[in-house]
């Protein structure tokens, strides 16, 4: 992963709006994931096959239980100006109405659940910066699928956000089940997840 420091231009102003304008207007490499994390524009290559396999398995299960008016999105940016963040979660579950406005992002507060699946090069972003950002935005549930956790691959469900901290609702190593509470009320079998 690489990063582009977000230094303001003298003639363009500074702050969140300038940073977002640069994020939207730059010509990024095709297929890369470009996010703003704590005020820094980061560029990561497209995810590995196993990463996408996990996302697909979770997405399939979520579509079985979400209301008709909700969607599961894989490339939707969510804005968290209070943390100088523009994240692209691996999965965003939100009402379709949240995507009704023109633009490239939705407020993170519109999310019902976000799912991040760690990549080896940027796992700490998902564990620390994004967890704090999603909690700050009030996202009710954050599911972290940590393929590179120090103690082995784990899945952690965070909830009850209180700026900028979540409470751990449950955690399980790969191979065990983890339950997502209402409004989802489903159990994911992590034994289905490929191990790197």
C-alpha atoms as a PDB file:
ATOM      1  CA  UNK A   1       0.000   0.000   0.000  1.00  0.00           C
ATOM      2  CA  UNK A   2       1.180   3.510  -0.615  1.00  0.00           C
ATOM      3  CA  UNK A   3       0.086   6.831   0.795  1.00  0.00           C
ATOM      4  CA  UNK A   4      -0.156  10.327  -0.583  1.00  0.00           C
ATOM      5  CA  UNK A   5       0.198  13.020   2.048  1.00  0.00           C
ATOM      6  CA  UNK A   6      -2.717  15.401   1.938  1.00  0.00           C
ATOM      7  CA  UNK A   7      -0.972  18.738   2.108  1.00  0.00           C
ATOM      8  CA  UNK A   8      -3.242  21.660   1.225  1.00  0.00           C
ATOM      9  CA  UNK A   9      -2.502  23.781  -1.850  1.00  0.00           C
ATOM     10  CA  UNK A  10      -2.188  27.530  -1.201  1.00  0.00           C
ATOM     11  CA  UNK A  11      -4.803  28.377  -3.829  1.00  0.00           C
ATOM     12  CA  UNK A  12      -7.244  25.555  -3.078  1.00  0.00           C
ATOM     13  CA  UNK A  13      -7.957  26.171   0.588  1.00  0.00           C
ATOM     14  CA  UNK A  14      -7.497  23.377   3.050  1.00  0.00           C
ATOM     15  CA  UNK A  15      -9.485  21.040   5.167  1.00  0.00           C
ATOM     16  CA  UNK A  16     -11.917  18.267   4.561  1.00  0.00           C
ATOM     17  CA  UNK A  17     -13.591  19.687   1.423  1.00  0.00           C
ATOM     18  CA  UNK A  18     -10.226  20.183  -0.312  1.00  0.00           C
ATOM     19  CA  UNK A  19      -9.108  16.677   0.594  1.00  0.00           C
ATOM     20  CA  UNK A  20     -12.328  15.132  -0.738  1.00  0.00           C
ATOM     21  CA  UNK A  21     -12.086  17.212  -3.913  1.00  0.00           C
ATOM     22  CA  UNK A  22      -8.574  15.851  -4.538  1.00  0.00           C
ATOM     23  CA  UNK A  23      -9.700  12.292  -3.746  1.00  0.00           C
ATOM     24  CA  UNK A  24     -12.543  12.607  -6.265  1.00  0.00           C
ATOM     25  CA  UNK A  25     -10.546  14.292  -9.017  1.00  0.00           C
ATOM     26  CA  UNK A  26      -7.265  12.358  -9.113  1.00  0.00           C
ATOM     27  CA  UNK A  27      -6.608   9.751 -11.802  1.00  0.00           C
ATOM     28  CA  UNK A  28      -6.002   6.652  -9.673  1.00  0.00           C
ATOM     29  CA  UNK A  29      -4.733   3.315 -11.023  1.00  0.00           C
ATOM     30  CA  UNK A  30      -7.518   1.079 -12.342  1.00  0.00           C
ATOM     31  CA  UNK A  31      -8.751  -1.493  -9.807  1.00  0.00           C
ATOM     32  CA  UNK A  32      -7.070   0.070  -6.788  1.00  0.00           C
ATOM     33  CA  UNK A  33      -8.838   0.888  -3.552  1.00  0.00           C
ATOM     34  CA  UNK A  34      -8.281   4.566  -2.758  1.00  0.00           C
ATOM     35  CA  UNK A  35      -9.334   5.776   0.693  1.00  0.00           C
ATOM     36  CA  UNK A  36      -8.695   8.683   3.013  1.00  0.00           C
ATOM     37  CA  UNK A  37      -7.521   7.430   6.397  1.00  0.00           C
ATOM     38  CA  UNK A  38      -6.848  10.012   9.088  1.00  0.00           C
ATOM     39  CA  UNK A  39      -6.345  12.734   6.472  1.00  0.00           C
ATOM     40  CA  UNK A  40      -4.003  10.719   4.253  1.00  0.00           C
ATOM     41  CA  UNK A  41      -5.014   9.411   0.840  1.00  0.00           C
ATOM     42  CA  UNK A  42      -4.020   5.742   0.668  1.00  0.00           C
ATOM     43  CA  UNK A  43      -3.859   3.511  -2.399  1.00  0.00           C
ATOM     44  CA  UNK A  44      -4.037  -0.271  -2.095  1.00  0.00           C
ATOM     45  CA  UNK A  45      -4.081  -2.933  -4.816  1.00  0.00           C
ATOM     46  CA  UNK A  46      -7.231  -4.914  -5.473  1.00  0.00           C
ATOM     47  CA  UNK A  47      -7.862  -7.572  -2.804  1.00  0.00           C
ATOM     48  CA  UNK A  48      -6.560 -11.138  -3.038  1.00  0.00           C
ATOM     49  CA  UNK A  49      -8.781 -14.020  -4.155  1.00  0.00           C
ATOM     50  CA  UNK A  50      -9.302 -15.395  -0.623  1.00  0.00           C
ATOM     51  CA  UNK A  51     -10.283 -11.920   0.578  1.00  0.00           C
ATOM     52  CA  UNK A  52     -12.948 -11.684  -2.133  1.00  0.00           C
ATOM     53  CA  UNK A  53     -14.135 -15.230  -1.402  1.00  0.00           C
ATOM     54  CA  UNK A  54     -14.846 -14.286   2.218  1.00  0.00           C
ATOM     55  CA  UNK A  55     -16.664 -11.116   1.145  1.00  0.00           C
ATOM     56  CA  UNK A  56     -18.804 -13.132  -1.258  1.00  0.00           C
ATOM     57  CA  UNK A  57     -19.764 -15.697   1.395  1.00  0.00           C
ATOM     58  CA  UNK A  58     -20.786 -12.999   3.876  1.00  0.00           C
ATOM     59  CA  UNK A  59     -22.654 -11.028   1.216  1.00  0.00           C
ATOM     60  CA  UNK A  60     -24.638 -14.096   0.154  1.00  0.00           C
ATOM     61  CA  UNK A  61     -25.739 -14.732   3.770  1.00  0.00           C
ATOM     62  CA  UNK A  62     -26.661 -11.086   4.379  1.00  0.00           C
ATOM     63  CA  UNK A  63     -28.883 -10.912   1.301  1.00  0.00           C
ATOM     64  CA  UNK A  64     -30.950 -13.736   2.809  1.00  0.00           C
ATOM     65  CA  UNK A  65     -31.948 -11.612   5.813  1.00  0.00           C
ATOM     66  CA  UNK A  66     -31.852  -7.896   4.997  1.00  0.00           C
ATOM     67  CA  UNK A  67     -35.038  -5.946   4.222  1.00  0.00           C
ATOM     68  CA  UNK A  68     -35.945  -5.447   0.568  1.00  0.00           C
ATOM     69  CA  UNK A  69     -35.141  -1.733   0.803  1.00  0.00           C
ATOM     70  CA  UNK A  70     -31.532  -2.363   1.902  1.00  0.00           C
ATOM     71  CA  UNK A  71     -28.494  -3.258  -0.153  1.00  0.00           C
ATOM     72  CA  UNK A  72     -25.063  -4.812   0.289  1.00  0.00           C
ATOM     73  CA  UNK A  73     -22.401  -2.717  -1.446  1.00  0.00           C
ATOM     74  CA  UNK A  74     -18.759  -3.604  -2.116  1.00  0.00           C
ATOM     75  CA  UNK A  75     -17.341  -0.402  -3.582  1.00  0.00           C
ATOM     76  CA  UNK A  76     -19.310   2.337  -1.838  1.00  0.00           C
ATOM     77  CA  UNK A  77     -17.313   5.036  -0.074  1.00  0.00           C
ATOM     78  CA  UNK A  78     -18.504   6.259   3.321  1.00  0.00           C
ATOM     79  CA  UNK A  79     -17.570   9.685   4.620  1.00  0.00           C
ATOM     80  CA  UNK A  80     -16.448  10.335   8.189  1.00  0.00           C
ATOM     81  CA  UNK A  81     -15.376  14.015   8.184  1.00  0.00           C
ATOM     82  CA  UNK A  82     -14.903  14.084  11.976  1.00  0.00           C
ATOM     83  CA  UNK A  83     -12.029  11.583  11.551  1.00  0.00           C
ATOM     84  CA  UNK A  84     -10.801  12.917   8.183  1.00  0.00           C
ATOM     85  CA  UNK A  85     -11.879   9.615   6.703  1.00  0.00           C
ATOM     86  CA  UNK A  86     -13.321   8.355   3.436  1.00  0.00           C
ATOM     87  CA  UNK A  87     -13.417   4.574   3.777  1.00  0.00           C
ATOM     88  CA  UNK A  88     -14.467   1.938   1.293  1.00  0.00           C
ATOM     89  CA  UNK A  89     -15.541  -1.004   3.444  1.00  0.00           C
ATOM     90  CA  UNK A  90     -15.391  -4.473   1.971  1.00  0.00           C
ATOM     91  CA  UNK A  91     -19.145  -4.652   2.572  1.00  0.00           C
ATOM     92  CA  UNK A  92     -21.529  -1.843   3.448  1.00  0.00           C
ATOM     93  CA  UNK A  93     -25.082  -2.695   4.440  1.00  0.00           C
ATOM     94  CA  UNK A  94     -27.334   0.346   4.211  1.00  0.00           C
ATOM     95  CA  UNK A  95     -30.786   1.394   3.031  1.00  0.00           C
ATOM     96  CA  UNK A  96     -30.851   1.919  -0.737  1.00  0.00           C
ATOM     97  CA  UNK A  97     -32.235   5.412  -0.058  1.00  0.00           C
ATOM     98  CA  UNK A  98     -28.833   6.374   1.398  1.00  0.00           C
ATOM     99  CA  UNK A  99     -27.395   6.197  -2.118  1.00  0.00           C
ATOM    100  CA  UNK A 100     -30.069   8.493  -3.545  1.00  0.00           C
ATOM    101  CA  UNK A 101     -27.956  11.651  -3.500  1.00  0.00           C
ATOM    102  CA  UNK A 102     -25.471  12.402  -6.276  1.00  0.00           C
ATOM    103  CA  UNK A 103     -21.788  12.044  -5.482  1.00  0.00           C
ATOM    104  CA  UNK A 104     -19.218   9.404  -4.641  1.00  0.00           C
ATOM    105  CA  UNK A 105     -19.926   8.768  -0.962  1.00  0.00           C
ATOM    106  CA  UNK A 106     -22.613   8.455   1.676  1.00  0.00           C
ATOM    107  CA  UNK A 107     -22.393   9.507   5.319  1.00  0.00           C
ATOM    108  CA  UNK A 108     -21.116   6.565   7.371  1.00  0.00           C
ATOM    109  CA  UNK A 109     -24.001   7.124   9.787  1.00  0.00           C
ATOM    110  CA  UNK A 110     -26.310   5.685   7.088  1.00  0.00           C
ATOM    111  CA  UNK A 111     -24.713   2.235   7.502  1.00  0.00           C
ATOM    112  CA  UNK A 112     -26.409  -0.525   9.464  1.00  0.00           C
ATOM    113  CA  UNK A 113     -23.300  -2.740   9.311  1.00  0.00           C
ATOM    114  CA  UNK A 114     -19.835  -2.462   7.823  1.00  0.00           C
ATOM    115  CA  UNK A 115     -17.540  -5.409   7.172  1.00  0.00           C
ATOM    116  CA  UNK A 116     -13.786  -5.085   6.798  1.00  0.00           C
ATOM    117  CA  UNK A 117     -11.589  -8.028   5.800  1.00  0.00           C
ATOM    118  CA  UNK A 118      -7.951  -7.381   6.564  1.00  0.00           C
ATOM    119  CA  UNK A 119      -5.191  -7.523   4.018  1.00  0.00           C
ATOM    120  CA  UNK A 120      -1.683  -8.167   5.268  1.00  0.00           C
ATOM    121  CA  UNK A 121      -0.414  -4.739   4.220  1.00  0.00           C
ATOM    122  CA  UNK A 122      -3.125  -2.648   5.874  1.00  0.00           C
ATOM    123  CA  UNK A 123      -4.588  -4.718   8.711  1.00  0.00           C
ATOM    124  CA  UNK A 124      -3.876  -2.021  11.307  1.00  0.00           C
ATOM    125  CA  UNK A 125      -6.048   0.468   9.430  1.00  0.00           C
ATOM    126  CA  UNK A 126      -9.013  -1.889   9.815  1.00  0.00           C
ATOM    127  CA  UNK A 127      -8.195  -2.729  13.445  1.00  0.00           C
ATOM    128  CA  UNK A 128      -7.530   0.797  14.705  1.00  0.00           C
ATOM    129  CA  UNK A 129      -8.276   3.805  12.483  1.00  0.00           C
ATOM    130  CA  UNK A 130     -11.381   2.432  10.796  1.00  0.00           C
ATOM    131  CA  UNK A 131     -12.794   0.979  14.017  1.00  0.00           C
ATOM    132  CA  UNK A 132     -12.479   4.421  15.632  1.00  0.00           C
ATOM    133  CA  UNK A 133     -13.957   6.100  12.557  1.00  0.00           C
ATOM    134  CA  UNK A 134     -16.967   3.813  12.306  1.00  0.00           C
ATOM    135  CA  UNK A 135     -17.599   4.159  16.052  1.00  0.00           C
ATOM    136  CA  UNK A 136     -17.347   7.954  15.805  1.00  0.00           C
ATOM    137  CA  UNK A 137     -19.909   7.924  12.977  1.00  0.00           C
ATOM    138  CA  UNK A 138     -22.271   5.786  15.068  1.00  0.00           C
ATOM    139  CA  UNK A 139     -22.293   2.740  12.766  1.00  0.00           C
ATOM    140  CA  UNK A 140     -24.236   0.240  14.911  1.00  0.00           C
ATOM    141  CA  UNK A 141     -22.254  -2.897  13.971  1.00  0.00           C
ATOM    142  CA  UNK A 142     -18.721  -3.407  12.681  1.00  0.00           C
ATOM    143  CA  UNK A 143     -17.611  -6.902  11.663  1.00  0.00           C
ATOM    144  CA  UNK A 144     -13.836  -7.281  11.412  1.00  0.00           C
ATOM    145  CA  UNK A 145     -12.640 -10.401   9.618  1.00  0.00           C
ATOM    146  CA  UNK A 146      -8.983 -10.367  10.605  1.00  0.00           C
ATOM    147  CA  UNK A 147      -7.142 -12.901   8.456  1.00  0.00           C
ATOM    148  CA  UNK A 148      -3.801 -11.647   9.802  1.00  0.00           C
ATOM    149  CA  UNK A 149      -4.538 -11.386  13.549  1.00  0.00           C
ATOM    150  CA  UNK A 150      -1.424 -12.091  15.665  1.00  0.00           C
ATOM    151  CA  UNK A 151      -3.096 -15.063  17.392  1.00  0.00           C
ATOM    152  CA  UNK A 152      -4.483 -16.520  14.163  1.00  0.00           C
ATOM    153  CA  UNK A 153      -7.403 -15.605  11.899  1.00  0.00           C
ATOM    154  CA  UNK A 154     -10.355 -14.249  13.902  1.00  0.00           C
ATOM    155  CA  UNK A 155     -13.708 -12.586  13.401  1.00  0.00           C
ATOM    156  CA  UNK A 156     -14.764  -9.854  15.834  1.00  0.00           C
ATOM    157  CA  UNK A 157     -18.154  -8.191  16.023  1.00  0.00           C
ATOM    158  CA  UNK A 158     -18.148  -4.686  17.478  1.00  0.00           C
ATOM    159  CA  UNK A 159     -21.218  -2.752  18.583  1.00  0.00           C
ATOM    160  CA  UNK A 160     -22.595  -0.152  20.986  1.00  0.00           C
ATOM    161  CA  UNK A 161     -20.426   2.655  19.559  1.00  0.00           C
ATOM    162  CA  UNK A 162     -19.413   5.470  21.867  1.00  0.00           C
ATOM    163  CA  UNK A 163     -17.196   8.055  20.174  1.00  0.00           C
ATOM    164  CA  UNK A 164     -14.574   6.751  19.212  1.00  0.00           C
ATOM    165  CA  UNK A 165     -14.798   3.296  20.806  1.00  0.00           C
ATOM    166  CA  UNK A 166     -16.793   0.118  20.211  1.00  0.00           C
ATOM    167  CA  UNK A 167     -17.613  -2.628  22.643  1.00  0.00           C
ATOM    168  CA  UNK A 168     -16.632  -6.145  21.547  1.00  0.00           C
ATOM    169  CA  UNK A 169     -19.911  -8.052  21.270  1.00  0.00           C
ATOM    170  CA  UNK A 170     -18.331 -11.373  20.292  1.00  0.00           C
ATOM    171  CA  UNK A 171     -15.198 -12.851  18.779  1.00  0.00           C
ATOM    172  CA  UNK A 172     -14.323 -16.225  17.312  1.00  0.00           C
ATOM    173  CA  UNK A 173     -11.339 -17.837  15.651  1.00  0.00           C
ATOM    174  CA  UNK A 174     -11.798 -19.075  12.098  1.00  0.00           C
ATOM    175  CA  UNK A 175     -13.567 -22.406  12.291  1.00  0.00           C
ATOM    176  CA  UNK A 176     -16.203 -21.289  14.816  1.00  0.00           C
ATOM    177  CA  UNK A 177     -19.538 -19.561  14.366  1.00  0.00           C
ATOM    178  CA  UNK A 178     -20.294 -15.912  15.094  1.00  0.00           C
ATOM    179  CA  UNK A 179     -23.789 -14.487  15.481  1.00  0.00           C
ATOM    180  CA  UNK A 180     -24.910 -11.116  14.137  1.00  0.00           C
ATOM    181  CA  UNK A 181     -27.782  -9.736  16.235  1.00  0.00           C
ATOM    182  CA  UNK A 182     -30.960  -8.018  15.039  1.00  0.00           C
ATOM    183  CA  UNK A 183     -31.736  -6.613  12.586  1.00  0.00           C
ATOM    184  CA  UNK A 184     -29.713  -9.398  10.902  1.00  0.00           C
ATOM    185  CA  UNK A 185     -30.100 -12.291  13.335  1.00  0.00           C
ATOM    186  CA  UNK A 186     -27.857 -14.677  11.407  1.00  0.00           C
ATOM    187  CA  UNK A 187     -24.985 -16.933  12.313  1.00  0.00           C
ATOM    188  CA  UNK A 188     -21.905 -16.983  10.101  1.00  0.00           C
ATOM    189  CA  UNK A 189     -19.893 -20.196   9.955  1.00  0.00           C
ATOM    190  CA  UNK A 190     -16.290 -19.039   9.721  1.00  0.00           C
ATOM    191  CA  UNK A 191     -15.188 -22.590   8.882  1.00  0.00           C
ATOM    192  CA  UNK A 192     -16.209 -21.653   5.334  1.00  0.00           C
ATOM    193  CA  UNK A 193     -13.598 -18.879   5.212  1.00  0.00           C
ATOM    194  CA  UNK A 194     -10.360 -19.718   3.414  1.00  0.00           C
ATOM    195  CA  UNK A 195      -7.234 -19.385   5.539  1.00  0.00           C
ATOM    196  CA  UNK A 196      -4.222 -17.677   3.995  1.00  0.00           C
END
